Amino acid sequence: MDPKEIDNMINDAFVQADVTTQETTVNADPDTTAEPVAQPAADEPVPAKAPKAAKAPKAPKEPKPAKVKNPYPFMTKAEISAKLTTDREFRQSCLLTIFDRQTSAEQGTLQTKERNARGFMSSHSVNGSQLALKLLGGEELTSEEDGKLQGIISKYTKQLASHFREIAIKNDPSLKDRGAVFGV
């Protein structure tokens, strides 16, 4: 539709609504009288809006700097968590790591006795230890057991990060100085 047709439709709507040149009062305060406000007549065209000014072209974006490799030389909790969800062998290896970090008394009784922040939490000690013993016996885990393992082992990313950090420092003593900057 062109603008004249739109103006005509608007004008027709005003005429149908019986809008004529009337004076309306606008009162901000009911105790005072206000000046009358004139309304446009039905046959007067409604002024069109002025066109918006054209936008200035945007300056070209500067290229992003190349990503700097993470200076942290060890496996992070996030990296461990991501790998635990996708890699079945890694999950099983981590289960055995957590089992090995328990004391021999805890391994024998399948219960957490020490509050040493190593090994299974008491709520996972029985199930985690049973799964670890099954793997140590050379048996394969069922898909149900693997699902249980995934639920258990995902709670130990901090302990696993600490373990992998210790291993990395043991294998490369130069990492000890770099690792001193970071904590686990």
C-alpha atoms as a PDB file:
ATOM      1  CA  MET A   1       0.000   0.000   0.000  1.00  0.00           C
ATOM      2  CA  ASP A   2       1.187   3.460  -0.681  1.00  0.00           C
ATOM      3  CA  PRO A   3       1.160   6.157   2.007  1.00  0.00           C
ATOM      4  CA  LYS A   4      -1.831   8.011   0.509  1.00  0.00           C
ATOM      5  CA  GLU A   5      -4.022   4.902   0.759  1.00  0.00           C
ATOM      6  CA  ILE A   6      -2.966   4.435   4.384  1.00  0.00           C
ATOM      7  CA  ASP A   7      -3.801   8.103   5.109  1.00  0.00           C
ATOM      8  CA  ASN A   8      -7.228   7.679   3.496  1.00  0.00           C
ATOM      9  CA  MET A   9      -7.940   4.559   5.549  1.00  0.00           C
ATOM     10  CA  ILE A  10      -6.999   6.369   8.757  1.00  0.00           C
ATOM     11  CA  ASN A  11      -9.153   9.338   7.831  1.00  0.00           C
ATOM     12  CA  ASP A  12     -12.099   7.063   7.032  1.00  0.00           C
ATOM     13  CA  ALA A  13     -11.694   5.420  10.435  1.00  0.00           C
ATOM     14  CA  PHE A  14     -11.856   8.821  12.131  1.00  0.00           C
ATOM     15  CA  VAL A  15     -14.996   9.733  10.213  1.00  0.00           C
ATOM     16  CA  GLN A  16     -16.672   6.438  11.074  1.00  0.00           C
ATOM     17  CA  ALA A  17     -15.839   6.940  14.731  1.00  0.00           C
ATOM     18  CA  ASP A  18     -17.586  10.290  14.448  1.00  0.00           C
ATOM     19  CA  VAL A  19     -14.461  12.227  15.287  1.00  0.00           C
ATOM     20  CA  THR A  20     -14.745  15.885  14.353  1.00  0.00           C
ATOM     21  CA  THR A  21     -12.905  18.974  15.395  1.00  0.00           C
ATOM     22  CA  GLN A  22     -13.637  18.842  19.059  1.00  0.00           C
ATOM     23  CA  GLU A  23     -11.987  20.400  21.984  1.00  0.00           C
ATOM     24  CA  THR A  24     -10.909  18.136  24.766  1.00  0.00           C
ATOM     25  CA  THR A  25      -9.659  19.243  28.104  1.00  0.00           C
ATOM     26  CA  VAL A  26      -6.707  17.603  29.759  1.00  0.00           C
ATOM     27  CA  ASN A  27      -6.565  17.993  33.500  1.00  0.00           C
ATOM     28  CA  ALA A  28      -3.517  17.041  35.451  1.00  0.00           C
ATOM     29  CA  ASP A  29      -5.184  18.272  38.627  1.00  0.00           C
ATOM     30  CA  PRO A  30      -8.979  17.924  38.945  1.00  0.00           C
ATOM     31  CA  ASP A  31      -9.226  21.236  40.889  1.00  0.00           C
ATOM     32  CA  THR A  32      -7.798  23.278  38.016  1.00  0.00           C
ATOM     33  CA  THR A  33      -9.017  23.824  34.512  1.00  0.00           C
ATOM     34  CA  ALA A  34      -6.758  23.122  31.588  1.00  0.00           C
ATOM     35  CA  GLU A  35      -6.402  24.656  28.194  1.00  0.00           C
ATOM     36  CA  PRO A  36      -8.480  22.986  25.469  1.00  0.00           C
ATOM     37  CA  VAL A  37      -6.533  20.763  23.051  1.00  0.00           C
ATOM     38  CA  ALA A  38      -7.552  20.835  19.401  1.00  0.00           C
ATOM     39  CA  GLN A  39      -8.086  17.523  17.603  1.00  0.00           C
ATOM     40  CA  PRO A  40      -7.502  17.238  13.843  1.00  0.00           C
ATOM     41  CA  ALA A  41     -10.557  17.351  11.641  1.00  0.00           C
ATOM     42  CA  ALA A  42     -11.666  14.145   9.968  1.00  0.00           C
ATOM     43  CA  ASP A  43     -10.925  15.445   6.477  1.00  0.00           C
ATOM     44  CA  GLU A  44      -7.425  16.695   7.316  1.00  0.00           C
ATOM     45  CA  PRO A  45      -4.622  14.317   6.271  1.00  0.00           C
ATOM     46  CA  VAL A  46      -2.490  12.900   9.046  1.00  0.00           C
ATOM     47  CA  PRO A  47       1.087  14.066   8.652  1.00  0.00           C
ATOM     48  CA  ALA A  48       3.505  11.272   7.762  1.00  0.00           C
ATOM     49  CA  LYS A  49       6.473  10.533   9.990  1.00  0.00           C
ATOM     50  CA  ALA A  50       9.776  11.861   8.850  1.00  0.00           C
ATOM     51  CA  PRO A  51      12.065   9.131   7.543  1.00  0.00           C
ATOM     52  CA  LYS A  52      14.812   8.008   9.914  1.00  0.00           C
ATOM     53  CA  ALA A  53      18.318   9.117   9.201  1.00  0.00           C
ATOM     54  CA  ALA A  54      20.542   6.506   7.600  1.00  0.00           C
ATOM     55  CA  LYS A  55      22.869   4.727   9.984  1.00  0.00           C
ATOM     56  CA  ALA A  56      26.553   5.243   9.596  1.00  0.00           C
ATOM     57  CA  PRO A  57      28.396   2.154   8.382  1.00  0.00           C
ATOM     58  CA  LYS A  58      30.030   0.136  11.129  1.00  0.00           C
ATOM     59  CA  ALA A  59      33.761   0.082  11.374  1.00  0.00           C
ATOM     60  CA  PRO A  60      35.258  -3.261  10.421  1.00  0.00           C
ATOM     61  CA  LYS A  61      35.878  -5.538  13.377  1.00  0.00           C
ATOM     62  CA  GLU A  62      39.421  -6.084  14.454  1.00  0.00           C
ATOM     63  CA  PRO A  63      40.559  -9.692  14.209  1.00  0.00           C
ATOM     64  CA  LYS A  64      40.492 -11.573  17.488  1.00  0.00           C
ATOM     65  CA  PRO A  65      43.884 -12.301  18.981  1.00  0.00           C
ATOM     66  CA  ALA A  66      45.022 -15.885  18.766  1.00  0.00           C
ATOM     67  CA  LYS A  67      43.987 -17.990  21.735  1.00  0.00           C
ATOM     68  CA  VAL A  68      46.720 -18.405  24.262  1.00  0.00           C
ATOM     69  CA  LYS A  69      47.227 -21.971  25.329  1.00  0.00           C
ATOM     70  CA  ASN A  70      46.117 -22.522  28.899  1.00  0.00           C
ATOM     71  CA  PRO A  71      49.260 -22.143  31.003  1.00  0.00           C
ATOM     72  CA  TYR A  72      47.945 -24.691  33.518  1.00  0.00           C
ATOM     73  CA  PRO A  73      50.074 -27.758  32.794  1.00  0.00           C
ATOM     74  CA  PHE A  74      47.809 -30.325  34.456  1.00  0.00           C
ATOM     75  CA  MET A  75      44.491 -31.962  33.648  1.00  0.00           C
ATOM     76  CA  THR A  76      41.636 -29.768  34.951  1.00  0.00           C
ATOM     77  CA  LYS A  77      38.475 -30.895  36.730  1.00  0.00           C
ATOM     78  CA  ALA A  78      36.442 -29.808  33.688  1.00  0.00           C
ATOM     79  CA  GLU A  79      38.627 -31.864  31.340  1.00  0.00           C
ATOM     80  CA  ILE A  80      38.339 -34.865  33.644  1.00  0.00           C
ATOM     81  CA  SER A  81      34.565 -34.458  33.888  1.00  0.00           C
ATOM     82  CA  ALA A  82      34.203 -34.269  30.105  1.00  0.00           C
ATOM     83  CA  LYS A  83      36.360 -37.343  29.600  1.00  0.00           C
ATOM     84  CA  LEU A  84      34.458 -39.289  32.271  1.00  0.00           C
ATOM     85  CA  THR A  85      31.204 -38.841  30.356  1.00  0.00           C
ATOM     86  CA  THR A  86      32.620 -40.052  27.038  1.00  0.00           C
ATOM     87  CA  ASP A  87      35.396 -42.577  27.742  1.00  0.00           C
ATOM     88  CA  ARG A  88      34.398 -45.862  29.377  1.00  0.00           C
ATOM     89  CA  GLU A  89      37.990 -47.090  29.875  1.00  0.00           C
ATOM     90  CA  PHE A  90      38.960 -43.787  31.497  1.00  0.00           C
ATOM     91  CA  ARG A  91      35.953 -44.062  33.858  1.00  0.00           C
ATOM     92  CA  GLN A  92      37.003 -47.540  34.890  1.00  0.00           C
ATOM     93  CA  SER A  93      40.627 -46.472  35.344  1.00  0.00           C
ATOM     94  CA  CYS A  94      39.488 -43.560  37.536  1.00  0.00           C
ATOM     95  CA  LEU A  95      37.343 -45.911  39.630  1.00  0.00           C
ATOM     96  CA  LEU A  96      40.394 -48.071  40.290  1.00  0.00           C
ATOM     97  CA  THR A  97      42.407 -44.943  41.131  1.00  0.00           C
ATOM     98  CA  ILE A  98      39.864 -43.834  43.733  1.00  0.00           C
ATOM     99  CA  PHE A  99      39.720 -47.383  45.124  1.00  0.00           C
ATOM    100  CA  ASP A 100      43.549 -47.458  45.389  1.00  0.00           C
ATOM    101  CA  ARG A 101      43.532 -44.151  47.275  1.00  0.00           C
ATOM    102  CA  GLN A 102      41.513 -45.728  50.099  1.00  0.00           C
ATOM    103  CA  THR A 103      43.328 -47.250  53.046  1.00  0.00           C
ATOM    104  CA  SER A 104      43.791 -51.013  53.063  1.00  0.00           C
ATOM    105  CA  ALA A 105      41.319 -51.299  55.971  1.00  0.00           C
ATOM    106  CA  GLU A 106      38.698 -49.422  53.962  1.00  0.00           C
ATOM    107  CA  GLN A 107      39.323 -51.616  50.932  1.00  0.00           C
ATOM    108  CA  GLY A 108      38.926 -54.768  53.039  1.00  0.00           C
ATOM    109  CA  THR A 109      35.677 -53.737  54.743  1.00  0.00           C
ATOM    110  CA  LEU A 110      34.181 -51.816  51.782  1.00  0.00           C
ATOM    111  CA  GLN A 111      33.478 -48.953  54.187  1.00  0.00           C
ATOM    112  CA  THR A 112      34.961 -45.498  54.575  1.00  0.00           C
ATOM    113  CA  LYS A 113      36.491 -45.131  58.030  1.00  0.00           C
ATOM    114  CA  GLU A 114      39.053 -42.350  57.630  1.00  0.00           C
ATOM    115  CA  ARG A 115      38.212 -38.706  57.012  1.00  0.00           C
ATOM    116  CA  ASN A 116      41.293 -38.151  54.869  1.00  0.00           C
ATOM    117  CA  ALA A 117      39.709 -36.802  51.641  1.00  0.00           C
ATOM    118  CA  ARG A 118      41.051 -39.840  49.795  1.00  0.00           C
ATOM    119  CA  GLY A 119      39.051 -42.650  48.266  1.00  0.00           C
ATOM    120  CA  PHE A 120      35.303 -43.040  48.295  1.00  0.00           C
ATOM    121  CA  MET A 121      32.800 -41.045  50.308  1.00  0.00           C
ATOM    122  CA  SER A 122      30.905 -43.220  52.762  1.00  0.00           C
ATOM    123  CA  SER A 123      27.795 -43.090  50.548  1.00  0.00           C
ATOM    124  CA  HIS A 124      29.760 -44.593  47.636  1.00  0.00           C
ATOM    125  CA  SER A 125      32.139 -46.907  49.471  1.00  0.00           C
ATOM    126  CA  VAL A 126      30.144 -50.141  49.151  1.00  0.00           C
ATOM    127  CA  ASN A 127      29.001 -49.750  45.530  1.00  0.00           C
ATOM    128  CA  GLY A 128      32.257 -48.160  44.354  1.00  0.00           C
ATOM    129  CA  SER A 129      34.372 -50.824  46.020  1.00  0.00           C
ATOM    130  CA  GLN A 130      32.222 -53.660  44.622  1.00  0.00           C
ATOM    131  CA  LEU A 131      32.570 -52.267  41.093  1.00  0.00           C
ATOM    132  CA  ALA A 132      36.331 -51.850  41.558  1.00  0.00           C
ATOM    133  CA  LEU A 133      36.728 -55.401  42.879  1.00  0.00           C
ATOM    134  CA  LYS A 134      34.744 -56.706  39.906  1.00  0.00           C
ATOM    135  CA  LEU A 135      37.111 -54.902  37.512  1.00  0.00           C
ATOM    136  CA  LEU A 136      40.174 -56.099  39.440  1.00  0.00           C
ATOM    137  CA  GLY A 137      38.799 -59.663  39.140  1.00  0.00           C
ATOM    138  CA  GLY A 138      38.880 -59.306  35.347  1.00  0.00           C
ATOM    139  CA  GLU A 139      35.099 -59.083  34.892  1.00  0.00           C
ATOM    140  CA  GLU A 140      33.366 -56.611  32.575  1.00  0.00           C
ATOM    141  CA  LEU A 141      30.770 -54.177  33.907  1.00  0.00           C
ATOM    142  CA  THR A 142      27.229 -54.379  32.560  1.00  0.00           C
ATOM    143  CA  SER A 143      25.688 -51.254  31.042  1.00  0.00           C
ATOM    144  CA  GLU A 144      23.661 -50.816  34.255  1.00  0.00           C
ATOM    145  CA  GLU A 145      26.817 -51.038  36.356  1.00  0.00           C
ATOM    146  CA  ASP A 146      28.603 -48.633  34.018  1.00  0.00           C
ATOM    147  CA  GLY A 147      25.743 -46.159  34.492  1.00  0.00           C
ATOM    148  CA  LYS A 148      26.113 -46.538  38.261  1.00  0.00           C
ATOM    149  CA  LEU A 149      29.871 -46.062  37.876  1.00  0.00           C
ATOM    150  CA  GLN A 150      29.350 -42.872  35.882  1.00  0.00           C
ATOM    151  CA  GLY A 151      27.084 -41.480  38.610  1.00  0.00           C
ATOM    152  CA  ILE A 152      29.608 -42.311  41.324  1.00  0.00           C
ATOM    153  CA  ILE A 153      32.883 -41.350  39.672  1.00  0.00           C
ATOM    154  CA  SER A 154      31.656 -37.931  38.502  1.00  0.00           C
ATOM    155  CA  LYS A 155      31.766 -36.797  42.153  1.00  0.00           C
ATOM    156  CA  TYR A 156      35.541 -37.261  42.387  1.00  0.00           C
ATOM    157  CA  THR A 157      36.943 -34.823  39.803  1.00  0.00           C
ATOM    158  CA  LYS A 158      38.857 -32.788  42.402  1.00  0.00           C
ATOM    159  CA  GLN A 159      40.482 -35.888  43.868  1.00  0.00           C
ATOM    160  CA  LEU A 160      41.300 -37.178  40.391  1.00  0.00           C
ATOM    161  CA  ALA A 161      42.777 -33.808  39.356  1.00  0.00           C
ATOM    162  CA  SER A 162      45.024 -33.925  42.416  1.00  0.00           C
ATOM    163  CA  HIS A 163      46.047 -37.498  41.577  1.00  0.00           C
ATOM    164  CA  PHE A 164      46.864 -36.678  37.933  1.00  0.00           C
ATOM    165  CA  ARG A 165      48.806 -33.614  39.079  1.00  0.00           C
ATOM    166  CA  GLU A 166      50.920 -35.760  41.422  1.00  0.00           C
ATOM    167  CA  ILE A 167      51.602 -38.231  38.605  1.00  0.00           C
ATOM    168  CA  ALA A 168      52.555 -35.455  36.152  1.00  0.00           C
ATOM    169  CA  ILE A 169      54.984 -33.889  38.660  1.00  0.00           C
ATOM    170  CA  LYS A 170      56.482 -37.299  39.409  1.00  0.00           C
ATOM    171  CA  ASN A 171      57.029 -37.918  35.664  1.00  0.00           C
ATOM    172  CA  ASP A 172      58.353 -34.392  34.973  1.00  0.00           C
ATOM    173  CA  PRO A 173      59.905 -32.686  38.019  1.00  0.00           C
ATOM    174  CA  SER A 174      60.160 -29.368  36.124  1.00  0.00           C
ATOM    175  CA  LEU A 175      56.374 -29.074  36.455  1.00  0.00           C
ATOM    176  CA  LYS A 176      56.732 -28.722  40.220  1.00  0.00           C
ATOM    177  CA  ASP A 177      57.790 -25.068  39.922  1.00  0.00           C
ATOM    178  CA  ARG A 178      55.043 -24.269  37.407  1.00  0.00           C
ATOM    179  CA  GLY A 179      52.521 -26.168  39.506  1.00  0.00           C
ATOM    180  CA  ALA A 180      53.425 -24.190  42.616  1.00  0.00           C
ATOM    181  CA  VAL A 181      51.669 -21.195  41.051  1.00  0.00           C
ATOM    182  CA  PHE A 182      48.404 -23.132  40.840  1.00  0.00           C
ATOM    183  CA  GLY A 183      46.477 -24.977  43.529  1.00  0.00           C
ATOM    184  CA  VAL A 184      44.164 -27.940  43.338  1.00  0.00           C
END
